[in-house]
């Protein structure tokens, strides 16, 4: 990857100091704003493999679709996540 790899995404030249970034070591990185990754951090973590999706034509109320779309890109994934949470809640009952 070249130093200007992001230039195709923008007409502006990158202001990132790529030479300095490439010369940094792990010890040079400031992690002070990252959460601690201790046992408590990972206690509720779940590992799962993504499952393949089923292509489906689905009719939803326009206001529901509009609301999800207004939340930004990825609205279909968010609709799927809401449906998955509902299924999980019913499976526990």
Protein backbone atom coordinates (compact mmCIF):
# COMPACT_ATOMS: atom_id res chain seq x y z
CA UNK A 1 0.00 0.00 0.00
CA UNK A 2 1.44 3.35 -0.93
CA UNK A 3 1.73 6.36 1.31
CA UNK A 4 -1.06 8.05 -0.65
CA UNK A 5 -3.41 5.05 -0.57
CA UNK A 6 -6.27 7.17 0.73
CA UNK A 7 -6.00 9.77 -2.02
CA UNK A 8 -8.50 7.92 -4.22
CA UNK A 9 -11.15 8.63 -1.57
CA UNK A 10 -10.66 12.37 -1.60
CA UNK A 11 -9.49 15.16 -3.85
CA UNK A 12 -7.47 16.59 -0.97
CA UNK A 13 -3.92 15.49 -0.28
CA UNK A 14 -3.43 13.54 2.92
CA UNK A 15 -2.13 15.56 5.85
CA UNK A 16 -1.00 12.39 7.64
CA UNK A 17 2.71 12.12 8.34
CA UNK A 18 3.03 8.61 6.89
CA UNK A 19 6.82 8.51 7.34
CA UNK A 20 6.44 9.09 11.09
CA UNK A 21 3.58 6.56 11.30
CA UNK A 22 5.61 3.86 9.55
CA UNK A 23 8.56 4.48 11.88
CA UNK A 24 6.47 4.14 15.06
CA UNK A 25 6.82 1.10 17.30
CA UNK A 26 4.11 -0.33 19.56
CA UNK A 27 5.76 1.45 22.50
CA UNK A 28 5.21 4.81 20.75
CA UNK A 29 1.41 4.38 20.59
CA UNK A 30 -0.67 6.22 23.21
CA UNK A 31 -3.36 3.82 24.47
CA UNK A 32 -4.52 6.07 27.33
CA UNK A 33 -7.99 6.52 25.82
CA UNK A 34 -8.51 2.77 25.26
CA UNK A 35 -10.42 0.67 27.78
CA UNK A 36 -8.44 -1.72 29.95
CA UNK A 37 -8.48 -5.22 28.45
CA UNK A 38 -8.55 -7.21 31.68
CA UNK A 39 -10.73 -10.20 32.59
CA UNK A 40 -13.70 -7.92 33.36
CA UNK A 41 -13.47 -6.41 29.87
CA UNK A 42 -13.78 -9.83 28.22
CA UNK A 43 -16.20 -11.42 30.76
CA UNK A 44 -19.32 -10.86 28.63
CA UNK A 45 -17.68 -11.16 25.22
CA UNK A 46 -19.17 -13.59 22.74
CA UNK A 47 -17.41 -15.17 19.79
CA UNK A 48 -19.50 -16.08 16.79
CA UNK A 49 -19.04 -16.81 13.13
CA UNK A 50 -21.09 -14.77 10.71
CA UNK A 51 -23.79 -16.80 9.04
CA UNK A 52 -24.70 -16.53 5.41
CA UNK A 53 -27.67 -14.34 4.68
CA UNK A 54 -30.86 -15.40 2.95
CA UNK A 55 -32.00 -13.10 0.17
CA UNK A 56 -35.59 -12.15 0.90
CA UNK A 57 -38.22 -9.76 -0.32
CA UNK A 58 -39.88 -8.29 2.74
CA UNK A 59 -42.61 -5.69 3.07
CA UNK A 60 -42.11 -3.27 5.95
CA UNK A 61 -43.92 -0.11 6.94
CA UNK A 62 -42.37 2.92 5.25
CA UNK A 63 -41.90 4.82 8.49
CA UNK A 64 -39.93 1.89 9.97
CA UNK A 65 -37.62 1.69 6.93
CA UNK A 66 -37.24 5.50 6.88
CA UNK A 67 -36.22 5.49 10.55
CA UNK A 68 -33.55 2.82 10.04
CA UNK A 69 -32.26 4.55 6.88
CA UNK A 70 -32.03 7.85 8.78
CA UNK A 71 -29.56 6.21 11.18
CA UNK A 72 -27.02 6.06 8.34
CA UNK A 73 -25.36 3.38 6.21
CA UNK A 74 -25.87 -0.21 7.28
CA UNK A 75 -29.59 0.05 7.94
CA UNK A 76 -30.28 -3.48 6.69
CA UNK A 77 -27.73 -4.88 9.13
CA UNK A 78 -29.36 -2.94 11.97
CA UNK A 79 -32.78 -4.29 11.03
CA UNK A 80 -31.25 -7.78 11.09
CA UNK A 81 -29.69 -7.10 14.52
CA UNK A 82 -33.04 -5.99 15.95
CA UNK A 83 -34.73 -9.11 14.60
CA UNK A 84 -31.91 -11.30 15.95
CA UNK A 85 -32.24 -9.72 19.42
CA UNK A 86 -35.97 -10.42 19.33
CA UNK A 87 -35.39 -14.06 18.34
CA UNK A 88 -32.80 -14.50 21.11
CA UNK A 89 -35.11 -12.96 23.72
CA UNK A 90 -37.94 -15.32 22.73
CA UNK A 91 -35.62 -18.35 22.66
CA UNK A 92 -34.61 -17.70 26.31
CA UNK A 93 -38.25 -17.61 27.45
